[in-house]
C-alpha atoms as a PDB file:
ATOM      1  CA  MET A   1      14.794 -23.370 -22.972  1.00  0.00           C
ATOM      2  CA  GLU A   2      14.680 -26.260 -20.881  1.00  0.00           C
ATOM      3  CA  LEU A   3      15.213 -25.665 -16.978  1.00  0.00           C
ATOM      4  CA  THR A   4      15.588 -28.465 -14.502  1.00  0.00           C
ATOM      5  CA  LEU A   5      14.919 -27.900 -10.936  1.00  0.00           C
ATOM      6  CA  THR A   6      14.724 -30.225  -8.054  1.00  0.00           C
ATOM      7  CA  VAL A   7      11.425 -30.599  -5.722  1.00  0.00           C
ATOM      8  CA  GLU A   8      12.336 -28.011  -3.371  1.00  0.00           C
ATOM      9  CA  GLU A   9      13.631 -25.544  -5.970  1.00  0.00           C
ATOM     10  CA  GLN A  10       9.966 -25.831  -7.481  1.00  0.00           C
ATOM     11  CA  GLU A  11       8.487 -25.616  -4.547  1.00  0.00           C
ATOM     12  CA  LEU A  12       9.922 -22.132  -3.487  1.00  0.00           C
ATOM     13  CA  LEU A  13       9.460 -20.780  -7.150  1.00  0.00           C
ATOM     14  CA  LEU A  14       6.087 -21.764  -7.063  1.00  0.00           C
ATOM     15  CA  ASN A  15       5.771 -19.878  -4.101  1.00  0.00           C
ATOM     16  CA  ILE A  16       7.719 -17.108  -4.874  1.00  0.00           C
ATOM     17  CA  LEU A  17       5.230 -16.714  -8.355  1.00  0.00           C
ATOM     18  CA  GLU A  18       1.989 -16.892  -6.435  1.00  0.00           C
ATOM     19  CA  GLN A  19       3.180 -14.133  -4.084  1.00  0.00           C
ATOM     20  CA  ARG A  20       4.208 -12.245  -6.892  1.00  0.00           C
ATOM     21  CA  HIS A  21       0.860 -12.867  -8.509  1.00  0.00           C
ATOM     22  CA  ARG A  22      -1.215 -11.843  -5.682  1.00  0.00           C
ATOM     23  CA  GLU A  23       0.907  -8.813  -5.734  1.00  0.00           C
ATOM     24  CA  LEU A  24       0.163  -7.762  -9.227  1.00  0.00           C
ATOM     25  CA  LEU A  25      -3.552  -8.111  -8.576  1.00  0.00           C
ATOM     26  CA  LYS A  26      -3.672  -5.628  -5.486  1.00  0.00           C
ATOM     27  CA  GLU A  27      -1.465  -3.028  -7.514  1.00  0.00           C
ATOM     28  CA  ILE A  28      -3.315  -3.228 -10.476  1.00  0.00           C
ATOM     29  CA  SER A  29      -6.596  -2.578  -8.740  1.00  0.00           C
ATOM     30  CA  HIS A  30      -4.926   0.422  -7.703  1.00  0.00           C
ATOM     31  CA  THR A  31      -3.158   1.683 -10.676  1.00  0.00           C
ATOM     32  CA  ASP A  32      -5.397   4.605 -12.567  1.00  0.00           C
ATOM     33  CA  HIS A  33      -2.649   5.025 -15.232  1.00  0.00           C
ATOM     34  CA  ASN A  34      -3.886   2.862 -18.452  1.00  0.00           C
ATOM     35  CA  ASP A  35      -0.751   2.026 -20.110  1.00  0.00           C
ATOM     36  CA  PHE A  36       1.092   0.896 -16.508  1.00  0.00           C
ATOM     37  CA  LYS A  37      -2.345  -0.826 -15.898  1.00  0.00           C
ATOM     38  CA  LYS A  38      -2.016  -2.567 -19.444  1.00  0.00           C
ATOM     39  CA  THR A  39       1.863  -3.581 -18.922  1.00  0.00           C
ATOM     40  CA  LEU A  40       1.149  -5.323 -15.375  1.00  0.00           C
ATOM     41  CA  ARG A  41      -2.527  -7.290 -16.978  1.00  0.00           C
ATOM     42  CA  ASN A  42       0.308  -8.585 -19.279  1.00  0.00           C
ATOM     43  CA  ASN A  43       2.505  -9.587 -16.447  1.00  0.00           C
ATOM     44  CA  GLU A  44      -0.007 -11.072 -15.079  1.00  0.00           C
ATOM     45  CA  LYS A  45      -0.723 -12.806 -17.764  1.00  0.00           C
ATOM     46  CA  LEU A  46       2.343 -14.271 -18.127  1.00  0.00           C
ATOM     47  CA  ILE A  47       2.937 -14.996 -14.787  1.00  0.00           C
ATOM     48  CA  GLU A  48      -0.200 -17.183 -14.768  1.00  0.00           C
ATOM     49  CA  ALA A  49       0.988 -19.270 -17.788  1.00  0.00           C
ATOM     50  CA  VAL A  50       4.326 -20.296 -15.764  1.00  0.00           C
ATOM     51  CA  LEU A  51       2.502 -21.010 -13.040  1.00  0.00           C
ATOM     52  CA  SER A  52      -0.083 -23.351 -14.998  1.00  0.00           C
ATOM     53  CA  ARG A  53       2.561 -24.753 -16.483  1.00  0.00           C
ATOM     54  CA  LEU A  54       4.675 -25.756 -13.313  1.00  0.00           C
ATOM     55  CA  ARG A  55       1.650 -26.717 -11.162  1.00  0.00           C
ATOM     56  CA  VAL A  56       1.271 -29.422 -14.303  1.00  0.00           C
ATOM     57  CA  GLU A  57       4.821 -30.407 -14.082  1.00  0.00           C
ATOM     58  CA  SER A  58       4.680 -30.662  -9.987  1.00  0.00           C
ATOM     59  CA  SER A  59       0.848 -32.966 -10.373  1.00  0.00           C
ATOM     60  CA  GLN A  60       3.307 -35.045 -12.968  1.00  0.00           C
ATOM     61  CA  GLU A  61       6.360 -35.833 -11.085  1.00  0.00           C
ATOM     62  CA  MET A  62       3.883 -36.588  -7.529  1.00  0.00           C
ATOM     63  CA  HIS A  63       2.315 -39.598  -9.449  1.00  0.00           C
ATOM     64  CA  VAL A  64       5.645 -40.767 -11.348  1.00  0.00           C
END
């Protein structure tokens, strides 16, 4: 899938994902149930991967 975003949309998406990532880290640290914690960690890794890709795209667009 390919998604084309404006610069403003990309910045908004980055901000939302960064905020959710911080919240997720707190939630993981306060969770005792191992299965649920595993699910949260998986989601956290997915968010990190998407953030990484968005940041690369952002930096490439700044240099164009």
